[in-house]
Amino acid sequence: MTADSDADALLIERIKLGDMRAFEMLVVKYQRRIERLIGRMVRDSDLVQDIAQETFIRAYRAIPQFRGESAFLAVLTAIRYSQV
């Protein structure tokens, strides 16, 4: 695991314990990257933001099942591709 993955894993464990601030930290960390990826396929900026928000909502709901076998960014990317 990389230091980045280790940091994400620690945040995810905090989220599982109910720490919403930890989830906010993950959103801040990955929001721009996810929006750029979505923007490559969707030109409507409002739609990009909506899809990004839905991506993070789905990720939050999936946190209890997250086992750390993949990087959190990979999970976000997979969710994003399932929406566009």
Protein backbone atom coordinates (compact mmCIF):
# COMPACT_ATOMS: atom_id res chain seq x y z
CA MET A 1 0.00 0.00 0.00
CA THR A 2 1.11 3.53 -0.62
CA ALA A 3 1.11 6.29 1.97
CA ASP A 4 -1.89 7.77 0.16
CA SER A 5 -3.78 4.47 0.36
CA ASP A 6 -2.84 4.13 4.02
CA ALA A 7 -4.20 7.61 4.73
CA ASP A 8 -7.43 6.79 2.89
CA ALA A 9 -7.75 3.51 4.80
CA LEU A 10 -7.45 5.37 8.10
CA LEU A 11 -10.12 7.85 7.01
CA ILE A 12 -12.38 5.01 5.93
CA GLU A 13 -12.02 3.34 9.33
CA ARG A 14 -12.97 6.64 10.98
CA ILE A 15 -16.01 6.91 8.67
CA LYS A 16 -17.09 3.40 9.67
CA LEU A 17 -17.02 4.63 13.28
CA GLY A 18 -19.33 7.53 12.37
CA ASP A 19 -16.80 10.31 11.77
CA MET A 20 -18.44 12.49 9.09
CA ARG A 21 -15.45 14.86 9.06
CA ALA A 22 -13.33 11.98 7.75
CA PHE A 23 -15.70 11.55 4.82
CA GLU A 24 -15.59 15.29 4.14
CA MET A 25 -11.80 14.99 4.00
CA LEU A 26 -12.04 12.26 1.35
CA VAL A 27 -14.50 14.36 -0.67
CA VAL A 28 -12.18 17.37 -0.56
CA LYS A 29 -9.24 15.17 -1.54
CA TYR A 30 -10.91 13.59 -4.58
CA GLN A 31 -13.69 15.94 -5.69
CA ARG A 32 -11.75 17.87 -8.33
CA ARG A 33 -10.20 14.72 -9.76
CA ILE A 34 -13.60 13.01 -10.08
CA GLU A 35 -15.16 16.14 -11.60
CA ARG A 36 -12.37 16.31 -14.21
CA LEU A 37 -12.89 12.66 -15.11
CA ILE A 38 -16.64 13.16 -15.46
CA GLY A 39 -16.09 16.38 -17.42
CA ARG A 40 -14.26 14.41 -20.09
CA MET A 41 -17.49 12.60 -20.89
CA VAL A 42 -20.15 15.16 -19.95
CA ARG A 43 -19.92 18.75 -21.15
CA ASP A 44 -22.74 20.22 -19.03
CA SER A 45 -21.01 21.59 -15.89
CA ASP A 46 -24.19 21.30 -13.81
CA LEU A 47 -24.50 17.66 -14.80
CA VAL A 48 -20.83 17.08 -13.95
CA GLN A 49 -21.42 18.38 -10.43
CA ASP A 50 -24.59 16.29 -10.04
CA ILE A 51 -22.84 13.11 -11.15
CA ALA A 52 -19.88 13.84 -8.87
CA GLN A 53 -22.22 14.37 -5.92
CA GLU A 54 -24.05 11.13 -6.66
CA THR A 55 -20.69 9.34 -6.93
CA PHE A 56 -19.76 10.43 -3.42
CA ILE A 57 -23.21 9.55 -2.05
CA ARG A 58 -22.87 6.04 -3.49
CA ALA A 59 -19.33 5.77 -2.13
CA TYR A 60 -20.51 6.80 1.34
CA ARG A 61 -23.26 4.18 1.27
CA ALA A 62 -20.72 1.55 0.22
CA ILE A 63 -18.21 2.37 2.99
CA PRO A 64 -19.44 -0.39 5.33
CA GLN A 65 -18.55 -2.99 2.67
CA PHE A 66 -15.20 -1.40 1.78
CA ARG A 67 -12.44 -3.89 2.65
CA GLY A 68 -9.47 -1.94 1.34
CA GLU A 69 -8.68 -4.38 -1.46
CA SER A 70 -8.74 -1.49 -3.92
CA ALA A 71 -7.72 2.13 -3.58
CA PHE A 72 -10.57 4.46 -2.69
CA LEU A 73 -9.99 6.40 -5.91
CA ALA A 74 -10.46 3.18 -7.90
CA VAL A 75 -13.79 2.66 -6.15
CA LEU A 76 -14.87 6.22 -6.97
CA THR A 77 -13.85 5.76 -10.58
CA ALA A 78 -15.82 2.52 -10.87
CA ILE A 79 -18.89 4.19 -9.38
CA ARG A 80 -18.50 7.12 -11.75
CA TYR A 81 -18.30 4.86 -14.82
CA SER A 82 -21.48 3.09 -13.75
CA GLN A 83 -23.34 6.42 -13.83
CA VAL A 84 -22.22 8.02 -17.09
